[in-house]
Amino acid sequence: MERAVKRLRPSHIILFVCTILLAVLFVYPIFFALMSAFKSNGDILKDPVALPASLYLRIL
């Protein structure tokens, strides 16, 4: 039996790109919150999207 060749349709590509964009939009706030959790307030104000240079744990 011959194997059927699947073709990429433009609608599938557009759907895939939209799905990736939505995933980034939903994951970014979680990433931002996690990165901010390990920074001091000064580091957050200086560069909010940078990775923490050192771990800063806030203890109540």
N, C-alpha and C. Protein backbone atom coordinates (compact mmCIF):
# COMPACT_ATOMS: atom_id res chain seq x y z
N MET A 1 0.83 -1.19 0.00
CA MET A 1 0.00 0.00 0.00
C MET A 1 0.87 1.25 0.00
N GLU A 2 0.45 2.18 -0.76
CA GLU A 2 1.18 3.44 -0.80
C GLU A 2 0.75 4.32 0.36
N ARG A 3 1.70 5.03 0.85
CA ARG A 3 1.42 5.92 1.98
C ARG A 3 0.93 7.26 1.43
N ALA A 4 -0.14 7.77 2.01
CA ALA A 4 -0.70 9.05 1.56
C ALA A 4 0.20 10.19 2.01
N VAL A 5 0.44 11.12 1.11
CA VAL A 5 1.27 12.28 1.42
C VAL A 5 0.36 13.39 1.91
N LYS A 6 0.65 13.91 3.10
CA LYS A 6 -0.15 15.00 3.65
C LYS A 6 0.40 16.32 3.13
N ARG A 7 -0.48 17.17 2.68
CA ARG A 7 -0.07 18.47 2.18
C ARG A 7 -0.40 19.53 3.22
N LEU A 8 0.48 20.50 3.32
CA LEU A 8 0.23 21.62 4.22
C LEU A 8 -0.66 22.63 3.52
N ARG A 9 -1.76 22.91 4.14
CA ARG A 9 -2.67 23.91 3.59
C ARG A 9 -2.39 25.24 4.25
N PRO A 10 -2.63 26.33 3.55
CA PRO A 10 -2.42 27.65 4.15
C PRO A 10 -3.26 27.86 5.41
N SER A 11 -4.44 27.28 5.45
CA SER A 11 -5.28 27.43 6.65
C SER A 11 -4.64 26.74 7.85
N HIS A 12 -3.97 25.61 7.65
CA HIS A 12 -3.29 24.93 8.75
C HIS A 12 -2.11 25.75 9.26
N ILE A 13 -1.39 26.37 8.35
CA ILE A 13 -0.24 27.20 8.74
C ILE A 13 -0.71 28.41 9.53
N ILE A 14 -1.79 29.05 9.06
CA ILE A 14 -2.32 30.22 9.77
C ILE A 14 -2.81 29.82 11.15
N LEU A 15 -3.50 28.69 11.25
CA LEU A 15 -3.98 28.21 12.54
C LEU A 15 -2.82 27.91 13.48
N PHE A 16 -1.76 27.31 12.97
CA PHE A 16 -0.59 27.00 13.79
C PHE A 16 0.07 28.28 14.30
N VAL A 17 0.24 29.28 13.45
CA VAL A 17 0.85 30.55 13.85
C VAL A 17 0.00 31.24 14.90
N CYS A 18 -1.31 31.25 14.71
CA CYS A 18 -2.21 31.87 15.70
C CYS A 18 -2.13 31.14 17.04
N THR A 19 -2.04 29.83 17.01
CA THR A 19 -1.93 29.04 18.23
C THR A 19 -0.64 29.37 18.98
N ILE A 20 0.46 29.49 18.26
CA ILE A 20 1.74 29.84 18.88
C ILE A 20 1.67 31.23 19.49
N LEU A 21 1.08 32.19 18.79
CA LEU A 21 0.96 33.55 19.32
C LEU A 21 0.11 33.59 20.59
N LEU A 22 -0.99 32.87 20.60
CA LEU A 22 -1.83 32.81 21.80
C LEU A 22 -1.09 32.14 22.95
N ALA A 23 -0.33 31.10 22.67
CA ALA A 23 0.43 30.43 23.72
C ALA A 23 1.44 31.38 24.34
N VAL A 24 2.12 32.17 23.53
CA VAL A 24 3.09 33.14 24.05
C VAL A 24 2.38 34.20 24.89
N LEU A 25 1.22 34.66 24.43
CA LEU A 25 0.48 35.67 25.19
C LEU A 25 0.03 35.16 26.55
N PHE A 26 -0.32 33.90 26.65
CA PHE A 26 -0.77 33.34 27.92
C PHE A 26 0.39 32.95 28.84
N VAL A 27 1.53 32.56 28.29
CA VAL A 27 2.66 32.10 29.09
C VAL A 27 3.51 33.27 29.60
N TYR A 28 3.56 34.38 28.86
CA TYR A 28 4.42 35.50 29.23
C TYR A 28 4.12 36.04 30.63
N PRO A 29 2.88 36.27 31.04
CA PRO A 29 2.65 36.78 32.41
C PRO A 29 3.13 35.83 33.50
N ILE A 30 3.03 34.54 33.25
CA ILE A 30 3.52 33.56 34.23
C ILE A 30 5.04 33.64 34.31
N PHE A 31 5.69 33.72 33.16
CA PHE A 31 7.15 33.86 33.12
C PHE A 31 7.59 35.14 33.84
N PHE A 32 6.89 36.25 33.58
CA PHE A 32 7.21 37.53 34.20
C PHE A 32 7.06 37.45 35.72
N ALA A 33 6.00 36.82 36.20
CA ALA A 33 5.78 36.69 37.65
C ALA A 33 6.87 35.84 38.29
N LEU A 34 7.26 34.76 37.64
CA LEU A 34 8.32 33.91 38.20
C LEU A 34 9.66 34.63 38.24
N MET A 35 9.99 35.37 37.19
CA MET A 35 11.24 36.11 37.17
C MET A 35 11.24 37.22 38.23
N SER A 36 10.11 37.86 38.42
CA SER A 36 10.01 38.94 39.41
C SER A 36 10.07 38.41 40.83
N ALA A 37 9.67 37.17 41.03
CA ALA A 37 9.67 36.59 42.37
C ALA A 37 11.08 36.44 42.92
N PHE A 38 12.08 36.33 42.06
CA PHE A 38 13.45 36.12 42.50
C PHE A 38 14.32 37.35 42.33
N LYS A 39 13.71 38.53 42.18
CA LYS A 39 14.46 39.79 42.04
C LYS A 39 14.10 40.73 43.17
N SER A 40 15.01 41.63 43.45
CA SER A 40 14.70 42.69 44.41
C SER A 40 13.84 43.74 43.71
N ASN A 41 13.23 44.62 44.48
CA ASN A 41 12.38 45.66 43.89
C ASN A 41 13.19 46.56 42.96
N GLY A 42 14.44 46.87 43.31
CA GLY A 42 15.29 47.69 42.47
C GLY A 42 15.58 47.04 41.14
N ASP A 43 15.83 45.73 41.16
CA ASP A 43 16.09 45.00 39.91
C ASP A 43 14.86 44.97 39.02
N ILE A 44 13.69 44.85 39.63
CA ILE A 44 12.45 44.83 38.85
C ILE A 44 12.25 46.18 38.18
N LEU A 45 12.50 47.26 38.90
CA LEU A 45 12.31 48.60 38.33
C LEU A 45 13.37 48.92 37.28
N LYS A 46 14.58 48.39 37.47
CA LYS A 46 15.67 48.66 36.53
C LYS A 46 15.43 47.98 35.18
N ASP A 47 15.14 46.69 35.20
CA ASP A 47 14.90 45.94 33.96
C ASP A 47 13.92 44.81 34.27
N PRO A 48 12.62 45.04 34.05
CA PRO A 48 11.61 44.07 34.48
C PRO A 48 11.65 42.74 33.73
N VAL A 49 12.14 42.69 32.51
CA VAL A 49 12.10 41.43 31.75
C VAL A 49 13.42 40.66 31.75
N ALA A 50 14.44 41.18 32.40
CA ALA A 50 15.73 40.49 32.42
C ALA A 50 15.70 39.32 33.40
N LEU A 51 16.54 38.36 33.15
CA LEU A 51 16.70 37.26 34.09
C LEU A 51 17.39 37.77 35.35
N PRO A 52 17.07 37.20 36.51
CA PRO A 52 17.72 37.67 37.73
C PRO A 52 19.23 37.38 37.72
N ALA A 53 20.02 38.38 38.12
CA ALA A 53 21.47 38.20 38.17
C ALA A 53 21.86 37.33 39.35
N SER A 54 21.15 37.48 40.45
CA SER A 54 21.36 36.64 41.63
C SER A 54 20.00 36.37 42.27
N LEU A 55 19.92 35.30 43.03
CA LEU A 55 18.65 34.96 43.65
C LEU A 55 18.40 35.87 44.85
N TYR A 56 17.21 36.36 44.92
CA TYR A 56 16.77 37.21 46.03
C TYR A 56 15.48 36.62 46.55
N LEU A 57 15.52 36.05 47.74
CA LEU A 57 14.33 35.44 48.32
C LEU A 57 13.76 36.36 49.38
N ARG A 58 12.53 36.74 49.22
CA ARG A 58 11.85 37.59 50.21
C ARG A 58 11.25 36.72 51.29
N ILE A 59 11.66 36.95 52.50
CA ILE A 59 11.14 36.18 53.63
C ILE A 59 10.29 37.12 54.47
N LEU A 60 9.08 36.70 54.75
CA LEU A 60 8.16 37.55 55.52
C LEU A 60 8.57 37.66 56.96
